[in-house]
Amino acid sequence: MKNILKYVLPAILVVTASQADAQQWSGPKRKPAKPVEVKYGPLTPANRTDATMEAFRNYGLGQFIHWGIYSIAGNEWEGVSARGGAAASEWIRSWSGPTAPKDWKNTYDNLYKQFNPKDFDAKRWAKQAKDMGAKYVIFTTKHHDGFALWPTKYSDYNITKTPYKKDIVKQVVDAYTAEGIDVYLYFSILEWNNPNYMGKAPQTDEEKKKFDKFLQYTRNQLLEQLKNYPQIKGFWFDGTWDASWKSAYEFTYNLEKELREKHPGLIIGSRFRNDEHGSRHFDSNGNMLGDYEQGWERKLPAEFEWLEGHDWDAVMTIPPNGWGYMKDWSGIYTKTTDDLLDMLMHSRSMNGNFVLNFGPDGNGNMHPEEDTLAKEIGEWVRQNAEAVYNVRHAALTPSKLGYFTQKEDQLYLTVFNRPLNNIVRIAVPKNATLVPNSAALLVGGEKLALKPADIGLDLDKNTYYDVILPKTFSSDRAFVIKMKLAAPKVKSTRLMDAKM
């Protein structure tokens, strides 16, 4: 039995730890029963109030761009796509098994010799992002394949060795900055083809020496990016889950400190590092490791309370799970403009930003459907910008009709589900000091009738206000009702609750 437990218990512990990580984004966060001593915890205070962080809170909408040599493959090779056994678009280098082409990794590692995006125009991308309403962009400088889109001095596997040769990262940083869009650089720690990288924690002296070379290489590249592109506002890290990186907690703690010293105000998400106990995103006491929650990847919080006041953003794909370029979108559900607007306002109603991913092809063109979505989202956001930017969570009972946002004494309800009776009922706590006083359609400014509706439910903590939509009003998409908040004119009638 002892020998069996020797092998079974570690497996149980691994599963439990994995479930704990997943639970952070599927319900309220777990807290330790007793405080744990943590030496390598957060380096910045929770809820920073500096100008850079305030700007982050107000962005509302962002753009993610996954681009690299994987865009040449386009999520398939020799007619086999991810639906036929290949790995996902940006992961395709990891393809293995019976469906993988012969000598596939070597084939992939030489694709850089074909990378010559003749249509790439960073200014065109930036203009499209601005027209869509994006206030920041996250750009992939290096994904898990290790290929660098900038002329790094620390690796030969970079853009200068391609037919294209020019610094793509600089073009993106300059073009987006010129459009008034803040730039964050995506940087993968994990590198599949780096001889000094390993997934497991180094054990022997030789392994430790080897991985230390990788750590110094990573530090050099990050400092290089800060020097080359001083306009950037932050880093978006990925590939930090392996045991090797987790074992380097003292190094990563000091590296974060160095990055912040070199670039005051730098914003770093929660997935960069872990504490000495292996706790990622949040330390072992539940304190966030970074400036904002970075775990909302293709998911959204169901309840505002789950966030515990943290800043956060949601990064989202258009196909179910494809970040890099996918040639073929047929036969799969791709998110519509209405889907994405719903996710945008869901995020804004909970103080988060919504970041939509684009995967350009090997020539530097967006997918045609991405172009369409960007145009349609931009048209809606321009008309309803007041409810999207510089707004906060409204402390009201969530509405089944849509999402609330608030700016001082202005309350906005973005309606996705129009009631058949045209009565938009809003629940307000009976002890609220501010209640809806007037209402109008945000687009066009048409005034709407508003009346109290104290419907008298037993033990109800809310009272209600009804906004009446004209029967003649029509809209093809979600629409926004803007309400002015003021002190209540009358108090709710005090009636006896039922005895039970």
Protein backbone atom coordinates (compact mmCIF):
# COMPACT_ATOMS: atom_id res chain seq x y z
CA MET A 1 0.00 0.00 0.00
CA LYS A 2 2.83 2.43 0.82
CA ASN A 3 4.31 1.94 -2.64
CA ILE A 4 0.92 2.54 -4.25
CA LEU A 5 0.41 5.75 -2.28
CA LYS A 6 3.87 6.89 -3.30
CA TYR A 7 2.67 7.11 -6.91
CA VAL A 8 -1.01 7.92 -6.41
CA LEU A 9 -0.75 10.87 -4.01
CA PRO A 10 1.38 13.12 -6.27
CA ALA A 11 -1.15 12.60 -9.07
CA ILE A 12 -3.99 13.58 -6.74
CA LEU A 13 -2.15 16.70 -5.70
CA VAL A 14 -1.49 17.72 -9.29
CA VAL A 15 -5.17 17.39 -10.19
CA THR A 16 -6.17 19.38 -7.12
CA ALA A 17 -3.75 22.20 -7.97
CA SER A 18 -5.01 22.29 -11.55
CA GLN A 19 -8.60 22.46 -10.38
CA ALA A 20 -7.69 25.31 -8.02
CA ASP A 21 -6.19 27.33 -10.91
CA ALA A 22 -9.27 26.78 -13.07
CA GLN A 23 -11.57 27.64 -10.19
CA GLN A 24 -10.20 31.19 -10.07
CA TRP A 25 -12.13 31.92 -13.27
CA SER A 26 -15.22 29.82 -12.72
CA GLY A 27 -16.38 31.13 -9.35
CA PRO A 28 -15.29 33.07 -6.27
CA LYS A 29 -11.57 32.83 -5.54
CA ARG A 30 -10.44 30.53 -2.78
CA LYS A 31 -8.62 32.02 0.19
CA PRO A 32 -6.23 30.10 2.47
CA ALA A 33 -7.59 29.17 5.87
CA LYS A 34 -4.50 30.72 7.44
CA PRO A 35 -2.13 33.38 6.05
CA VAL A 36 0.94 31.93 4.32
CA GLU A 37 4.38 33.50 4.55
CA VAL A 38 5.20 34.82 1.08
CA LYS A 39 8.53 36.44 0.25
CA TYR A 40 8.05 36.73 -3.51
CA GLY A 41 4.61 38.27 -3.64
CA PRO A 42 3.25 41.39 -5.41
CA LEU A 43 5.62 44.21 -6.32
CA THR A 44 2.99 46.86 -6.99
CA PRO A 45 0.03 47.98 -4.88
CA ALA A 46 -3.45 46.76 -5.70
CA ASN A 47 -5.56 49.18 -7.79
CA ARG A 48 -2.78 51.53 -8.86
CA THR A 49 -3.96 55.12 -9.28
CA ASP A 50 -1.27 56.47 -11.64
CA ALA A 51 -2.25 57.92 -15.02
CA THR A 52 -1.17 54.87 -17.03
CA MET A 53 -3.32 52.53 -14.96
CA GLU A 54 -6.28 54.92 -15.03
CA ALA A 55 -5.99 54.95 -18.81
CA PHE A 56 -6.08 51.13 -18.79
CA ARG A 57 -9.37 51.19 -16.86
CA ASN A 58 -10.91 53.52 -19.39
CA TYR A 59 -9.83 51.75 -22.61
CA GLY A 60 -13.02 49.76 -23.03
CA LEU A 61 -12.04 48.08 -26.28
CA GLY A 62 -8.72 46.68 -27.44
CA GLN A 63 -7.24 44.67 -30.28
CA PHE A 64 -5.03 41.58 -30.05
CA ILE A 65 -2.90 40.60 -33.07
CA HIS A 66 -1.41 37.12 -33.40
CA TRP A 67 1.08 37.16 -36.25
CA GLY A 68 4.19 35.21 -37.05
CA ILE A 69 5.51 32.55 -39.40
CA TYR A 70 2.60 30.29 -38.40
CA SER A 71 0.47 32.59 -40.55
CA ILE A 72 2.08 31.00 -43.61
CA ALA A 73 0.58 27.63 -42.70
CA GLY A 74 -2.79 29.19 -41.87
CA ASN A 75 -3.86 26.40 -39.50
CA GLU A 76 -3.29 23.63 -42.06
CA TRP A 77 -0.64 21.82 -44.06
CA GLU A 78 -1.01 19.62 -47.09
CA GLY A 79 -4.80 19.82 -46.74
CA VAL A 80 -4.92 18.78 -43.09
CA SER A 81 -6.27 21.39 -40.65
CA ALA A 82 -6.81 21.47 -36.90
CA ARG A 83 -10.15 19.76 -37.54
CA GLY A 84 -8.21 16.90 -39.13
CA GLY A 85 -5.56 16.51 -36.46
CA ALA A 86 -3.26 19.51 -36.78
CA ALA A 87 -2.59 21.71 -33.76
CA ALA A 88 -4.31 25.11 -33.49
CA SER A 89 -3.01 27.81 -35.83
CA GLU A 90 -0.34 29.44 -33.64
CA TRP A 91 0.48 26.05 -32.03
CA ILE A 92 0.91 24.19 -35.30
CA ARG A 93 4.65 23.71 -34.80
CA SER A 94 3.78 21.34 -31.91
CA TRP A 95 1.84 19.06 -34.28
CA SER A 96 2.77 15.41 -33.79
CA GLY A 97 1.27 11.95 -34.17
CA PRO A 98 0.04 10.00 -37.19
CA THR A 99 -1.54 13.02 -38.95
CA ALA A 100 1.63 15.17 -38.78
CA PRO A 101 3.65 15.52 -42.01
CA LYS A 102 7.01 13.78 -42.10
CA ASP A 103 9.81 15.78 -40.45
CA TRP A 104 7.18 18.44 -39.62
CA LYS A 105 9.10 20.40 -36.96
CA ASN A 106 12.08 20.87 -39.27
CA THR A 107 9.73 21.95 -42.05
CA TYR A 108 8.11 24.50 -39.74
CA ASP A 109 11.42 25.80 -38.39
CA ASN A 110 12.42 26.70 -41.95
CA LEU A 111 9.21 28.54 -42.85
CA TYR A 112 10.88 31.83 -41.89
CA LYS A 113 12.76 31.61 -45.19
CA GLN A 114 9.39 32.22 -46.92
CA PHE A 115 8.16 35.00 -44.66
CA ASN A 116 7.80 38.06 -46.88
CA PRO A 117 4.48 39.82 -46.15
CA LYS A 118 4.22 41.97 -49.27
CA ASP A 119 0.90 43.55 -48.23
CA PHE A 120 1.83 44.38 -44.64
CA ASP A 121 1.10 48.00 -43.78
CA ALA A 122 1.14 48.82 -40.07
CA LYS A 123 -0.52 52.18 -40.74
CA ARG A 124 -3.45 50.43 -42.44
CA TRP A 125 -3.84 48.09 -39.46
CA ALA A 126 -3.68 50.98 -37.01
CA LYS A 127 -6.26 52.99 -38.95
CA GLN A 128 -8.62 50.02 -38.96
CA ALA A 129 -8.13 49.55 -35.20
CA LYS A 130 -8.85 53.22 -34.56
CA ASP A 131 -11.98 53.09 -36.72
CA MET A 132 -13.11 50.02 -34.77
CA GLY A 133 -12.74 51.99 -31.54
CA ALA A 134 -9.74 50.18 -30.05
CA LYS A 135 -7.82 52.18 -27.45
CA TYR A 136 -4.99 49.68 -27.03
CA VAL A 137 -3.35 46.86 -28.95
CA ILE A 138 -1.52 43.74 -27.80
CA PHE A 139 0.96 42.60 -30.46
CA THR A 140 2.78 39.26 -30.60
CA THR A 141 6.50 39.97 -30.78
CA LYS A 142 7.43 36.29 -30.25
CA HIS A 143 5.18 33.25 -29.83
CA HIS A 144 5.99 29.76 -28.51
CA ASP A 145 7.94 28.91 -31.69
CA GLY A 146 10.59 31.42 -30.57
CA PHE A 147 10.63 33.40 -33.82
CA ALA A 148 11.19 37.11 -33.11
CA LEU A 149 9.45 39.75 -35.24
CA TRP A 150 12.11 42.28 -34.25
CA PRO A 151 15.88 42.29 -34.98
CA THR A 152 16.93 40.88 -31.62
CA LYS A 153 20.66 40.68 -30.92
CA TYR A 154 20.19 37.59 -28.79
CA SER A 155 18.86 35.10 -31.34
CA ASP A 156 19.43 34.42 -35.04
CA TYR A 157 15.84 33.23 -35.33
CA ASN A 158 14.43 36.66 -36.13
CA ILE A 159 12.94 38.89 -38.78
CA THR A 160 16.30 39.96 -40.26
CA LYS A 161 16.85 36.40 -41.54
CA THR A 162 13.66 36.46 -43.60
CA PRO A 163 13.21 37.87 -47.12
CA TYR A 164 11.27 40.73 -45.46
CA LYS A 165 14.11 41.76 -43.09
CA LYS A 166 12.48 44.94 -41.65
CA ASP A 167 11.57 45.41 -37.98
CA ILE A 168 7.86 44.60 -37.81
CA VAL A 169 7.50 45.41 -34.10
CA LYS A 170 8.82 48.95 -34.62
CA GLN A 171 6.39 49.55 -37.47
CA VAL A 172 3.46 48.39 -35.36
CA VAL A 173 4.52 50.40 -32.29
CA ASP A 174 5.06 53.56 -34.33
CA ALA A 175 1.85 53.27 -36.39
CA TYR A 176 -0.48 52.54 -33.48
CA THR A 177 1.13 55.18 -31.27
CA ALA A 178 0.64 57.73 -34.07
CA GLU A 179 -3.09 56.89 -34.08
CA GLY A 180 -3.32 57.44 -30.32
CA ILE A 181 -3.59 53.74 -29.54
CA ASP A 182 -1.51 52.45 -26.61
CA VAL A 183 0.74 49.47 -27.36
CA TYR A 184 1.37 46.37 -25.23
CA LEU A 185 3.84 43.75 -26.37
CA TYR A 186 2.99 40.05 -26.18
CA PHE A 187 6.04 37.98 -25.24
CA SER A 188 6.09 34.20 -24.90
CA ILE A 189 8.51 32.86 -22.30
CA LEU A 190 8.26 29.26 -23.54
CA GLU A 191 10.32 28.53 -26.69
CA TRP A 192 9.91 25.13 -28.34
CA ASN A 193 13.13 25.16 -30.36
CA ASN A 194 15.45 26.87 -27.87
CA PRO A 195 18.11 24.30 -26.80
CA ASN A 196 18.34 25.87 -23.34
CA TYR A 197 14.63 25.72 -22.59
CA MET A 198 13.11 22.82 -20.68
CA GLY A 199 9.65 22.17 -19.37
CA LYS A 200 10.59 20.40 -16.18
CA ALA A 201 12.33 22.09 -13.27
CA PRO A 202 16.11 21.76 -13.70
CA GLN A 203 17.63 19.22 -11.29
CA THR A 204 21.27 18.59 -12.11
CA ASP A 205 24.03 21.21 -12.16
CA GLU A 206 24.18 20.85 -15.92
CA GLU A 207 20.44 21.44 -16.29
CA LYS A 208 20.55 24.43 -13.94
CA LYS A 209 23.43 25.96 -15.90
CA LYS A 210 21.58 25.38 -19.14
CA PHE A 211 18.31 26.90 -17.93
CA ASP A 212 20.12 29.84 -16.38
CA LYS A 213 21.37 30.66 -19.89
CA PHE A 214 17.74 30.70 -21.01
CA LEU A 215 16.74 32.99 -18.13
CA GLN A 216 19.48 35.48 -18.99
CA TYR A 217 18.50 35.32 -22.66
CA THR A 218 14.88 36.11 -21.72
CA ARG A 219 15.99 39.03 -19.54
CA ASN A 220 18.15 40.38 -22.37
CA GLN A 221 15.32 40.27 -24.89
CA LEU A 222 12.86 42.02 -22.57
CA LEU A 223 15.33 44.79 -21.72
CA GLU A 224 16.06 45.06 -25.45
CA GLN A 225 12.37 45.61 -26.18
CA LEU A 226 12.10 48.31 -23.52
CA LYS A 227 15.12 50.06 -25.05
CA ASN A 228 13.92 49.69 -28.66
CA TYR A 229 10.28 50.63 -28.06
CA PRO A 230 10.09 53.09 -25.14
CA GLN A 231 6.54 54.15 -26.15
CA ILE A 232 4.98 50.88 -25.00
CA LYS A 233 2.69 50.83 -21.97
CA GLY A 234 3.11 47.22 -20.88
CA PHE A 235 3.87 43.56 -21.49
CA TRP A 236 1.41 40.70 -22.02
CA PHE A 237 3.19 37.48 -21.02
CA ASP A 238 2.40 33.94 -22.10
CA GLY A 239 3.96 30.48 -21.77
CA THR A 240 4.71 30.81 -18.06
CA TRP A 241 3.08 27.59 -16.84
CA ASP A 242 5.97 25.11 -17.06
CA ALA A 243 7.69 23.85 -13.91
CA SER A 244 11.04 25.28 -15.09
CA TRP A 245 9.77 28.88 -15.10
CA LYS A 246 7.82 28.34 -11.89
CA SER A 247 11.00 27.14 -10.18
CA ALA A 248 12.77 30.41 -11.07
CA TYR A 249 10.56 32.52 -8.76
CA GLU A 250 13.45 34.52 -7.29
CA PHE A 251 14.77 35.36 -10.77
CA THR A 252 11.34 36.34 -12.10
CA TYR A 253 10.63 38.46 -9.01
CA ASN A 254 13.86 40.41 -9.56
CA LEU A 255 13.26 40.61 -13.31
CA GLU A 256 9.84 42.17 -12.81
CA LYS A 257 11.41 44.64 -10.39
CA GLU A 258 14.10 45.51 -12.97
CA LEU A 259 11.58 45.97 -15.79
CA ARG A 260 9.54 48.34 -13.64
CA GLU A 261 12.63 50.33 -12.63
CA LYS A 262 13.68 50.69 -16.28
CA HIS A 263 10.18 51.74 -17.37
CA PRO A 264 8.23 53.53 -14.61
CA GLY A 265 4.48 53.00 -14.95
CA LEU A 266 4.88 49.74 -16.89
CA ILE A 267 1.77 47.55 -16.77
CA ILE A 268 2.27 43.80 -16.35
CA GLY A 269 -0.54 41.24 -16.19
CA SER A 270 -0.99 38.56 -13.56
CA ARG A 271 0.42 35.60 -15.50
CA PHE A 272 4.08 36.66 -15.62
CA ARG A 273 5.26 34.83 -12.51
CA ASN A 274 4.43 32.89 -9.36
CA ASP A 275 5.43 32.96 -5.71
CA GLU A 276 7.84 30.52 -4.05
CA HIS A 277 4.97 28.12 -3.39
CA GLY A 278 4.13 27.83 -7.09
CA SER A 279 0.97 29.94 -6.95
CA ARG A 280 0.41 31.71 -10.31
CA HIS A 281 -1.62 34.85 -11.08
CA PHE A 282 -2.31 35.24 -7.35
CA ASP A 283 0.10 34.48 -4.53
CA SER A 284 -0.65 31.90 -1.87
CA ASN A 285 -2.64 34.48 0.12
CA GLY A 286 -4.79 35.45 -2.84
CA ASN A 287 -2.98 38.72 -3.64
CA MET A 288 -2.70 39.46 -7.35
CA LEU A 289 0.77 39.14 -8.89
CA GLY A 290 0.69 42.04 -11.34
CA ASP A 291 -1.45 45.01 -12.23
CA TYR A 292 -4.54 43.31 -13.66
CA GLU A 293 -6.18 39.89 -13.89
CA GLN A 294 -4.99 38.11 -17.00
CA GLY A 295 -6.96 34.89 -16.67
CA TRP A 296 -10.07 35.89 -18.63
CA GLU A 297 -9.00 34.25 -21.87
CA ARG A 298 -12.04 33.26 -23.97
CA LYS A 299 -14.21 33.58 -20.89
CA LEU A 300 -16.14 36.23 -18.96
CA PRO A 301 -17.04 36.51 -15.27
CA ALA A 302 -20.61 35.55 -14.46
CA GLU A 303 -20.71 37.76 -11.37
CA PHE A 304 -19.04 41.07 -10.58
CA GLU A 305 -18.14 39.88 -7.08
CA TRP A 306 -15.79 37.22 -8.49
CA LEU A 307 -13.40 40.01 -9.50
CA GLU A 308 -12.92 41.31 -5.95
CA GLY A 309 -12.22 44.81 -7.27
CA HIS A 310 -9.32 43.79 -9.54
CA ASP A 311 -8.69 45.41 -12.90
CA TRP A 312 -9.01 42.92 -15.75
CA ASP A 313 -9.49 42.35 -19.45
CA ALA A 314 -11.00 39.57 -21.55
CA VAL A 315 -9.12 38.47 -24.66
CA MET A 316 -11.37 36.80 -27.21
CA THR A 317 -11.10 34.93 -30.48
CA ILE A 318 -13.59 35.14 -33.33
CA PRO A 319 -13.53 31.41 -34.20
CA PRO A 320 -14.05 29.09 -31.20
CA ASN A 321 -10.31 28.84 -30.48
CA GLY A 322 -8.04 30.19 -33.16
CA TRP A 323 -5.64 33.04 -32.49
CA GLY A 324 -3.33 32.89 -35.49
CA TYR A 325 -4.47 32.99 -39.11
CA MET A 326 -6.97 30.33 -40.18
CA LYS A 327 -7.45 30.00 -43.93
CA ASP A 328 -10.74 28.14 -43.67
CA TRP A 329 -13.55 29.44 -41.45
CA SER A 330 -16.22 27.25 -43.05
CA GLY A 331 -18.08 24.70 -40.97
CA ILE A 332 -17.37 26.36 -37.61
CA TYR A 333 -19.28 28.99 -35.69
CA THR A 334 -17.60 32.37 -35.82
CA LYS A 335 -18.74 35.10 -33.45
CA THR A 336 -21.01 37.72 -34.96
CA THR A 337 -20.93 41.47 -34.45
CA ASP A 338 -23.84 41.12 -32.02
CA ASP A 339 -22.01 38.40 -30.07
CA LEU A 340 -18.94 40.59 -29.74
CA LEU A 341 -20.86 43.73 -28.77
CA ASP A 342 -22.61 41.71 -26.07
CA MET A 343 -19.22 40.56 -24.73
CA LEU A 344 -17.88 44.12 -24.92
CA MET A 345 -20.69 45.52 -22.80
CA HIS A 346 -20.61 42.55 -20.44
CA SER A 347 -16.95 43.40 -19.82
CA ARG A 348 -17.59 47.12 -19.41
CA SER A 349 -20.42 46.50 -16.97
CA MET A 350 -17.89 44.75 -14.73
CA ASN A 351 -15.05 47.30 -15.06
CA GLY A 352 -13.16 45.22 -17.62
CA ASN A 353 -11.78 45.80 -21.09
CA PHE A 354 -12.69 43.62 -24.06
CA VAL A 355 -9.85 42.71 -26.44
CA LEU A 356 -10.73 41.22 -29.83
CA ASN A 357 -8.15 39.05 -31.58
CA PHE A 358 -7.15 39.33 -35.24
CA GLY A 359 -4.94 36.82 -37.08
CA PRO A 360 -3.47 38.30 -40.28
CA ASP A 361 -2.35 36.00 -43.09
CA GLY A 362 1.21 35.48 -44.31
CA ASN A 363 0.95 38.51 -46.61
CA GLY A 364 -0.16 40.87 -43.85
CA ASN A 365 -3.89 40.99 -44.64
CA MET A 366 -6.67 40.51 -42.12
CA HIS A 367 -9.22 37.79 -42.77
CA PRO A 368 -12.12 39.26 -44.82
CA GLU A 369 -14.58 38.48 -42.01
CA GLU A 370 -12.31 40.30 -39.55
CA ASP A 371 -12.49 43.36 -41.79
CA THR A 372 -16.30 43.18 -41.76
CA LEU A 373 -16.52 42.74 -38.00
CA ALA A 374 -14.12 45.61 -37.35
CA LYS A 375 -16.22 47.92 -39.54
CA GLU A 376 -19.54 46.96 -37.94
CA ILE A 377 -18.21 47.12 -34.38
CA GLY A 378 -16.71 50.52 -35.12
CA GLU A 379 -19.98 51.89 -36.43
CA TRP A 380 -21.81 50.84 -33.26
CA VAL A 381 -19.10 51.99 -30.84
CA ARG A 382 -18.88 55.42 -32.46
CA GLN A 383 -22.60 55.98 -31.93
CA ASN A 384 -22.62 54.62 -28.38
CA ALA A 385 -19.16 55.67 -27.19
CA GLU A 386 -20.56 57.47 -24.14
CA ALA A 387 -21.69 54.13 -22.67
CA VAL A 388 -18.43 52.32 -23.55
CA TYR A 389 -15.49 54.52 -22.56
CA ASN A 390 -14.58 56.03 -19.18
CA VAL A 391 -17.44 54.21 -17.48
CA ARG A 392 -17.68 52.00 -14.40
CA HIS A 393 -19.78 49.25 -12.92
CA ALA A 394 -23.23 50.38 -11.75
CA ALA A 395 -24.24 49.01 -8.34
CA LEU A 396 -27.65 47.81 -9.49
CA THR A 397 -29.30 44.43 -9.74
CA PRO A 398 -28.13 43.02 -13.11
CA SER A 399 -30.75 43.34 -15.84
CA LYS A 400 -31.95 40.47 -18.01
CA LEU A 401 -32.37 43.03 -20.78
CA GLY A 402 -28.71 44.04 -21.11
CA TYR A 403 -25.81 45.68 -19.28
CA PHE A 404 -25.48 48.77 -17.07
CA THR A 405 -22.54 51.16 -17.12
CA GLN A 406 -22.24 54.41 -15.21
CA LYS A 407 -20.37 57.70 -15.35
CA GLU A 408 -20.98 59.91 -12.30
CA ASP A 409 -24.74 60.70 -12.37
CA GLN A 410 -25.29 59.25 -15.84
CA LEU A 411 -26.57 55.68 -16.02
CA TYR A 412 -26.55 53.69 -19.26
CA LEU A 413 -28.41 50.50 -20.06
CA THR A 414 -27.33 48.80 -23.27
CA VAL A 415 -30.39 46.76 -24.28
CA PHE A 416 -29.74 43.49 -26.12
CA ASN A 417 -33.08 41.87 -25.26
CA ARG A 418 -35.92 44.27 -26.02
CA PRO A 419 -39.06 43.51 -23.98
CA LEU A 420 -42.17 42.67 -26.01
CA ASN A 421 -44.26 45.14 -23.99
CA ASN A 422 -41.69 47.93 -24.53
CA ILE A 423 -41.37 48.44 -20.77
CA VAL A 424 -37.72 48.48 -19.68
CA ARG A 425 -37.93 47.75 -15.96
CA ILE A 426 -34.95 48.71 -13.80
CA ALA A 427 -34.45 47.38 -10.27
CA VAL A 428 -32.96 49.88 -7.81
CA PRO A 429 -32.13 49.17 -4.14
CA LYS A 430 -34.71 50.77 -1.84
CA ASN A 431 -31.94 52.48 0.11
CA ALA A 432 -30.35 54.04 -3.00
CA THR A 433 -29.55 57.73 -2.70
CA LEU A 434 -29.63 58.16 -6.48
CA VAL A 435 -32.36 56.80 -8.75
CA PRO A 436 -33.33 57.28 -12.41
CA ASN A 437 -34.89 60.71 -12.80
CA SER A 438 -35.13 61.03 -16.59
CA ALA A 439 -34.44 58.82 -19.59
CA ALA A 440 -33.64 59.20 -23.28
CA LEU A 441 -32.29 57.18 -26.16
CA LEU A 442 -28.55 57.77 -26.41
CA VAL A 443 -28.61 57.82 -30.21
CA GLY A 444 -30.84 60.67 -31.33
CA GLY A 445 -31.64 61.89 -27.81
CA GLU A 446 -35.37 61.12 -27.94
CA LYS A 447 -36.84 61.54 -24.44
CA LEU A 448 -38.56 58.53 -22.93
CA ALA A 449 -41.32 58.31 -20.34
CA LEU A 450 -40.08 57.11 -16.95
CA LYS A 451 -42.22 56.23 -13.93
CA PRO A 452 -41.75 54.50 -10.55
CA ALA A 453 -43.13 50.97 -10.33
CA ASP A 454 -43.17 49.85 -6.70
CA ILE A 455 -44.66 46.44 -7.42
CA GLY A 456 -44.69 45.32 -3.77
CA LEU A 457 -42.97 41.94 -3.73
CA ASP A 458 -42.68 40.50 -0.23
CA LEU A 459 -39.25 41.12 1.37
CA ASP A 460 -38.08 42.77 -1.83
CA LYS A 461 -35.00 44.94 -1.31
CA ASN A 462 -35.60 46.75 -4.59
CA THR A 463 -37.98 49.26 -6.01
CA TYR A 464 -38.50 49.65 -9.74
CA TYR A 465 -38.49 52.26 -12.48
CA ASP A 466 -40.08 51.68 -15.85
CA VAL A 467 -38.73 53.28 -19.01
CA ILE A 468 -41.29 53.19 -21.82
CA LEU A 469 -40.04 52.62 -25.36
CA PRO A 470 -42.13 54.05 -28.21
CA LYS A 471 -43.84 51.34 -30.23
CA THR A 472 -42.51 53.04 -33.35
CA PHE A 473 -38.88 52.75 -32.20
CA SER A 474 -36.83 50.16 -34.06
CA SER A 475 -33.18 49.15 -33.97
CA ASP A 476 -31.23 46.43 -35.79
CA ARG A 477 -28.68 46.14 -32.99
CA ALA A 478 -28.39 46.72 -29.27
CA PHE A 479 -29.34 50.26 -28.25
CA VAL A 480 -28.55 52.40 -25.23
CA ILE A 481 -30.92 54.14 -22.83
CA LYS A 482 -29.28 57.02 -21.00
CA MET A 483 -30.70 57.99 -17.61
CA LYS A 484 -30.00 60.95 -15.36
CA LEU A 485 -29.67 59.96 -11.70
CA ALA A 486 -31.00 62.15 -8.90
CA ALA A 487 -32.27 61.89 -5.33
CA PRO A 488 -35.57 59.97 -5.12
CA LYS A 489 -38.63 62.25 -5.21
CA VAL A 490 -40.70 59.92 -3.03
CA LYS A 491 -39.81 57.12 -0.66
CA SER A 492 -41.15 53.64 -1.26
CA THR A 493 -44.45 52.98 0.50
CA ARG A 494 -43.86 51.19 3.80
CA LEU A 495 -46.15 48.17 3.93
CA MET A 496 -46.20 45.20 6.29
CA ASP A 497 -44.36 42.13 5.01
CA ALA A 498 -46.12 38.82 5.25
CA LYS A 499 -45.67 36.72 8.39
CA MET A 500 -44.35 33.24 7.62
